[in-house]
Amino acid sequence: MKTQSQTSKDYFKSLNVLHGMLLMAQIAFLLAAYFFTDRAVVNNDELDAVFRYLIPVMVLAGIAGSNLLFKKQLAKLVEMTALKAKLTGYLSSLVVKYAILEIPAMMAIVAYFITANYLYLWMAMVVLVVFILDRPSMGRAIADLQLSLSERQKVENPNEVIAEVNVR
């Protein structure tokens, strides 16, 4: 596999594009479920009873689990010495964190679509708010990775090559 170098500007731009696309997918799915659910026809009490317990547990587990796993992965990244390795690992950690957050949001939206219970729509929106607040930034990456002064200066320089990504 070939690798391509990324400048600091490109690296954080790609992080934000990734975050934005995942966010837009969730919002589009939520809006589609909202507008295509016929609330007068849906009556699925058995599934609603199951979802009433399953969805809140999934939402809480998704939020807590994504943060715990992310912190565990960050602990390994902080110990690394190479900046490129840290930032490559940081990208991977964020992808995993976002995927774990996205699962309960999508499940809550599906539960709403099946049952037309607004509780699940609100739970999906809670996850979306958490997702929005977890937007990647240069400052957050510097703090998360506990970068040294020299590493921080490299990351803050928009033209500095700081990461490598695999390309096909």
C-alpha atoms as a PDB file:
ATOM      1  CA  MET A   1       0.000   0.000   0.000  1.00  0.00           C
ATOM      2  CA  LYS A   2       1.256   3.450  -0.845  1.00  0.00           C
ATOM      3  CA  THR A   3       1.330   6.257   1.678  1.00  0.00           C
ATOM      4  CA  GLN A   4       0.831   9.945   1.123  1.00  0.00           C
ATOM      5  CA  SER A   5       2.184  12.691   3.332  1.00  0.00           C
ATOM      6  CA  GLN A   6      -0.236  15.184   4.833  1.00  0.00           C
ATOM      7  CA  THR A   7       0.434  18.676   6.048  1.00  0.00           C
ATOM      8  CA  SER A   8      -1.095  19.871   9.281  1.00  0.00           C
ATOM      9  CA  LYS A   9      -3.706  21.839   7.359  1.00  0.00           C
ATOM     10  CA  ASP A  10      -4.648  18.809   5.237  1.00  0.00           C
ATOM     11  CA  TYR A  11      -4.701  16.465   8.233  1.00  0.00           C
ATOM     12  CA  PHE A  12      -7.164  18.538  10.254  1.00  0.00           C
ATOM     13  CA  LYS A  13      -9.217  19.322   7.164  1.00  0.00           C
ATOM     14  CA  SER A  14      -9.613  15.587   6.489  1.00  0.00           C
ATOM     15  CA  LEU A  15     -10.542  14.982  10.149  1.00  0.00           C
ATOM     16  CA  ASN A  16     -13.250  17.614   9.917  1.00  0.00           C
ATOM     17  CA  VAL A  17     -14.521  16.286   6.582  1.00  0.00           C
ATOM     18  CA  LEU A  18     -14.755  12.784   8.071  1.00  0.00           C
ATOM     19  CA  HIS A  19     -16.617  14.084  11.118  1.00  0.00           C
ATOM     20  CA  GLY A  20     -18.931  16.205   8.989  1.00  0.00           C
ATOM     21  CA  MET A  21     -19.807  13.375   6.618  1.00  0.00           C
ATOM     22  CA  LEU A  22     -20.603  10.983   9.474  1.00  0.00           C
ATOM     23  CA  LEU A  23     -22.709  13.681  11.117  1.00  0.00           C
ATOM     24  CA  MET A  24     -24.588  14.457   7.898  1.00  0.00           C
ATOM     25  CA  ALA A  25     -25.331  10.758   7.359  1.00  0.00           C
ATOM     26  CA  GLN A  26     -26.896  10.532  10.812  1.00  0.00           C
ATOM     27  CA  ILE A  27     -28.902  13.717  10.341  1.00  0.00           C
ATOM     28  CA  ALA A  28     -30.126  12.600   6.897  1.00  0.00           C
ATOM     29  CA  PHE A  29     -31.193   9.222   8.292  1.00  0.00           C
ATOM     30  CA  LEU A  30     -32.953  10.907  11.222  1.00  0.00           C
ATOM     31  CA  LEU A  31     -34.824  13.305   8.929  1.00  0.00           C
ATOM     32  CA  ALA A  32     -35.778  10.508   6.528  1.00  0.00           C
ATOM     33  CA  ALA A  33     -37.140   8.414   9.391  1.00  0.00           C
ATOM     34  CA  TYR A  34     -39.020  11.408  10.783  1.00  0.00           C
ATOM     35  CA  PHE A  35     -40.672  12.346   7.507  1.00  0.00           C
ATOM     36  CA  PHE A  36     -41.371   8.811   6.274  1.00  0.00           C
ATOM     37  CA  THR A  37     -42.801   7.391   9.475  1.00  0.00           C
ATOM     38  CA  ASP A  38     -46.569   7.287   9.325  1.00  0.00           C
ATOM     39  CA  ARG A  39     -47.402   7.814  12.993  1.00  0.00           C
ATOM     40  CA  ALA A  40     -51.059   6.923  12.470  1.00  0.00           C
ATOM     41  CA  VAL A  41     -50.318   3.434  11.098  1.00  0.00           C
ATOM     42  CA  VAL A  42     -47.449   2.248  13.290  1.00  0.00           C
ATOM     43  CA  ASN A  43     -48.525   0.214  16.283  1.00  0.00           C
ATOM     44  CA  ASN A  44     -45.845  -2.166  17.458  1.00  0.00           C
ATOM     45  CA  ASP A  45     -46.227  -2.450  21.219  1.00  0.00           C
ATOM     46  CA  GLU A  46     -44.095  -5.595  21.612  1.00  0.00           C
ATOM     47  CA  LEU A  47     -41.068  -4.048  19.965  1.00  0.00           C
ATOM     48  CA  ASP A  48     -41.661  -0.758  21.750  1.00  0.00           C
ATOM     49  CA  ALA A  49     -41.481  -2.595  25.081  1.00  0.00           C
ATOM     50  CA  VAL A  50     -38.129  -4.120  24.096  1.00  0.00           C
ATOM     51  CA  PHE A  51     -36.746  -0.876  22.675  1.00  0.00           C
ATOM     52  CA  ARG A  52     -37.816   1.060  25.767  1.00  0.00           C
ATOM     53  CA  TYR A  53     -35.014  -0.698  27.672  1.00  0.00           C
ATOM     54  CA  LEU A  54     -32.598  -1.551  24.869  1.00  0.00           C
ATOM     55  CA  ILE A  55     -32.178   1.876  23.280  1.00  0.00           C
ATOM     56  CA  PRO A  56     -31.354   3.866  26.471  1.00  0.00           C
ATOM     57  CA  VAL A  57     -28.833   1.189  27.449  1.00  0.00           C
ATOM     58  CA  MET A  58     -27.283   1.300  23.976  1.00  0.00           C
ATOM     59  CA  VAL A  59     -27.113   5.096  24.008  1.00  0.00           C
ATOM     60  CA  LEU A  60     -25.452   5.228  27.420  1.00  0.00           C
ATOM     61  CA  ALA A  61     -23.132   2.332  26.593  1.00  0.00           C
ATOM     62  CA  GLY A  62     -22.220   3.912  23.253  1.00  0.00           C
ATOM     63  CA  ILE A  63     -21.359   7.276  24.767  1.00  0.00           C
ATOM     64  CA  ALA A  64     -19.465   5.797  27.720  1.00  0.00           C
ATOM     65  CA  GLY A  65     -17.841   3.022  25.694  1.00  0.00           C
ATOM     66  CA  SER A  66     -16.631   5.325  22.935  1.00  0.00           C
ATOM     67  CA  ASN A  67     -15.008   7.627  25.482  1.00  0.00           C
ATOM     68  CA  LEU A  68     -13.445   4.804  27.498  1.00  0.00           C
ATOM     69  CA  LEU A  69     -12.013   3.061  24.443  1.00  0.00           C
ATOM     70  CA  PHE A  70     -10.771   6.365  23.032  1.00  0.00           C
ATOM     71  CA  LYS A  71      -8.992   7.208  26.291  1.00  0.00           C
ATOM     72  CA  LYS A  72      -7.446   3.737  26.371  1.00  0.00           C
ATOM     73  CA  GLN A  73      -6.154   4.162  22.830  1.00  0.00           C
ATOM     74  CA  LEU A  74      -4.905   7.672  23.652  1.00  0.00           C
ATOM     75  CA  ALA A  75      -2.870   6.308  26.559  1.00  0.00           C
ATOM     76  CA  LYS A  76      -0.959   4.120  24.079  1.00  0.00           C
ATOM     77  CA  LEU A  77      -0.516   6.990  21.615  1.00  0.00           C
ATOM     78  CA  VAL A  78       0.856   9.378  24.248  1.00  0.00           C
ATOM     79  CA  GLU A  79       3.703   6.941  24.924  1.00  0.00           C
ATOM     80  CA  MET A  80       4.803   6.919  21.257  1.00  0.00           C
ATOM     81  CA  THR A  81       7.743   9.061  20.224  1.00  0.00           C
ATOM     82  CA  ALA A  82       7.094   9.622  16.508  1.00  0.00           C
ATOM     83  CA  LEU A  83       4.612  12.405  15.761  1.00  0.00           C
ATOM     84  CA  LYS A  84       3.466  10.793  12.514  1.00  0.00           C
ATOM     85  CA  ALA A  85       2.670   7.561  14.353  1.00  0.00           C
ATOM     86  CA  LYS A  86       0.773   9.467  17.039  1.00  0.00           C
ATOM     87  CA  LEU A  87      -1.357  11.333  14.504  1.00  0.00           C
ATOM     88  CA  THR A  88      -2.013   8.240  12.395  1.00  0.00           C
ATOM     89  CA  GLY A  89      -3.130   6.433  15.541  1.00  0.00           C
ATOM     90  CA  TYR A  90      -5.200   9.457  16.552  1.00  0.00           C
ATOM     91  CA  LEU A  91      -7.104   9.301  13.272  1.00  0.00           C
ATOM     92  CA  SER A  92      -7.765   5.593  13.742  1.00  0.00           C
ATOM     93  CA  SER A  93      -8.900   6.176  17.325  1.00  0.00           C
ATOM     94  CA  LEU A  94     -11.323   8.880  16.226  1.00  0.00           C
ATOM     95  CA  VAL A  95     -12.783   6.648  13.517  1.00  0.00           C
ATOM     96  CA  VAL A  96     -13.417   3.908  16.083  1.00  0.00           C
ATOM     97  CA  LYS A  97     -14.880   6.415  18.556  1.00  0.00           C
ATOM     98  CA  TYR A  98     -17.213   7.867  15.937  1.00  0.00           C
ATOM     99  CA  ALA A  99     -18.326   4.419  14.784  1.00  0.00           C
ATOM    100  CA  ILE A 100     -19.157   3.405  18.344  1.00  0.00           C
ATOM    101  CA  LEU A 101     -21.151   6.632  18.775  1.00  0.00           C
ATOM    102  CA  GLU A 102     -22.940   6.207  15.478  1.00  0.00           C
ATOM    103  CA  ILE A 103     -24.292   2.712  16.222  1.00  0.00           C
ATOM    104  CA  PRO A 104     -26.691   3.709  19.052  1.00  0.00           C
ATOM    105  CA  ALA A 105     -27.826   6.774  17.109  1.00  0.00           C
ATOM    106  CA  MET A 106     -28.742   4.653  14.105  1.00  0.00           C
ATOM    107  CA  MET A 107     -30.416   2.021  16.290  1.00  0.00           C
ATOM    108  CA  ALA A 108     -32.477   4.707  18.025  1.00  0.00           C
ATOM    109  CA  ILE A 109     -33.558   6.069  14.651  1.00  0.00           C
ATOM    110  CA  VAL A 110     -34.535   2.573  13.465  1.00  0.00           C
ATOM    111  CA  ALA A 111     -36.485   2.053  16.713  1.00  0.00           C
ATOM    112  CA  TYR A 112     -38.325   5.325  16.057  1.00  0.00           C
ATOM    113  CA  PHE A 113     -39.043   4.284  12.476  1.00  0.00           C
ATOM    114  CA  ILE A 114     -40.518   0.980  13.650  1.00  0.00           C
ATOM    115  CA  THR A 115     -42.502   2.251  16.652  1.00  0.00           C
ATOM    116  CA  ALA A 116     -43.046   5.977  15.985  1.00  0.00           C
ATOM    117  CA  ASN A 117     -42.124   6.617  19.614  1.00  0.00           C
ATOM    118  CA  TYR A 118     -40.558  10.078  19.896  1.00  0.00           C
ATOM    119  CA  LEU A 119     -38.453   8.948  22.860  1.00  0.00           C
ATOM    120  CA  TYR A 120     -36.098   7.166  20.449  1.00  0.00           C
ATOM    121  CA  LEU A 121     -35.853  10.194  18.211  1.00  0.00           C
ATOM    122  CA  TRP A 122     -34.819  12.281  21.211  1.00  0.00           C
ATOM    123  CA  MET A 123     -32.238   9.691  22.228  1.00  0.00           C
ATOM    124  CA  ALA A 124     -30.773   9.789  18.736  1.00  0.00           C
ATOM    125  CA  MET A 125     -30.596  13.567  19.027  1.00  0.00           C
ATOM    126  CA  VAL A 126     -28.721  13.251  22.338  1.00  0.00           C
ATOM    127  CA  VAL A 127     -26.110  11.126  20.598  1.00  0.00           C
ATOM    128  CA  LEU A 128     -25.985  13.657  17.752  1.00  0.00           C
ATOM    129  CA  VAL A 129     -25.310  16.458  20.229  1.00  0.00           C
ATOM    130  CA  VAL A 130     -22.498  14.421  21.787  1.00  0.00           C
ATOM    131  CA  PHE A 131     -21.177  13.757  18.278  1.00  0.00           C
ATOM    132  CA  ILE A 132     -21.311  17.459  17.383  1.00  0.00           C
ATOM    133  CA  LEU A 133     -19.549  18.463  20.603  1.00  0.00           C
ATOM    134  CA  ASP A 134     -16.827  15.904  19.856  1.00  0.00           C
ATOM    135  CA  ARG A 135     -15.740  17.688  16.680  1.00  0.00           C
ATOM    136  CA  PRO A 136     -12.013  17.266  16.023  1.00  0.00           C
ATOM    137  CA  SER A 137      -9.730  20.275  16.205  1.00  0.00           C
ATOM    138  CA  MET A 138      -6.057  21.056  16.365  1.00  0.00           C
ATOM    139  CA  GLY A 139      -6.289  22.184  19.990  1.00  0.00           C
ATOM    140  CA  ARG A 140      -8.119  19.043  21.013  1.00  0.00           C
ATOM    141  CA  ALA A 141      -5.550  16.828  19.257  1.00  0.00           C
ATOM    142  CA  ILE A 142      -2.690  18.654  20.958  1.00  0.00           C
ATOM    143  CA  ALA A 143      -4.334  18.253  24.361  1.00  0.00           C
ATOM    144  CA  ASP A 144      -5.438  14.646  23.786  1.00  0.00           C
ATOM    145  CA  LEU A 145      -2.001  13.512  22.630  1.00  0.00           C
ATOM    146  CA  GLN A 146      -0.171  15.631  25.233  1.00  0.00           C
ATOM    147  CA  LEU A 147       2.251  16.853  22.576  1.00  0.00           C
ATOM    148  CA  SER A 148       5.608  18.324  23.492  1.00  0.00           C
ATOM    149  CA  LEU A 149       6.454  21.917  22.597  1.00  0.00           C
ATOM    150  CA  SER A 150       8.367  20.912  19.449  1.00  0.00           C
ATOM    151  CA  GLU A 151       5.562  18.564  18.346  1.00  0.00           C
ATOM    152  CA  ARG A 152       3.006  21.256  19.063  1.00  0.00           C
ATOM    153  CA  GLN A 153       4.919  23.765  16.922  1.00  0.00           C
ATOM    154  CA  LYS A 154       4.960  21.282  14.036  1.00  0.00           C
ATOM    155  CA  VAL A 155       1.236  20.651  14.351  1.00  0.00           C
ATOM    156  CA  GLU A 156       0.457  24.366  14.529  1.00  0.00           C
ATOM    157  CA  ASN A 157       2.442  25.046  11.343  1.00  0.00           C
ATOM    158  CA  PRO A 158      -0.110  24.526   8.529  1.00  0.00           C
ATOM    159  CA  ASN A 159       2.589  23.611   5.972  1.00  0.00           C
ATOM    160  CA  GLU A 160       4.473  21.088   8.124  1.00  0.00           C
ATOM    161  CA  VAL A 161       4.186  17.439   7.048  1.00  0.00           C
ATOM    162  CA  ILE A 162       2.850  15.727  10.167  1.00  0.00           C
ATOM    163  CA  ALA A 163       1.115  12.539   9.060  1.00  0.00           C
ATOM    164  CA  GLU A 164       0.991   9.831   6.451  1.00  0.00           C
ATOM    165  CA  VAL A 165      -2.161   8.186   5.199  1.00  0.00           C
ATOM    166  CA  ASN A 166      -2.586   5.006   3.198  1.00  0.00           C
ATOM    167  CA  VAL A 167      -3.882   5.551  -0.329  1.00  0.00           C
ATOM    168  CA  ARG A 168      -5.093   3.003  -2.844  1.00  0.00           C
END
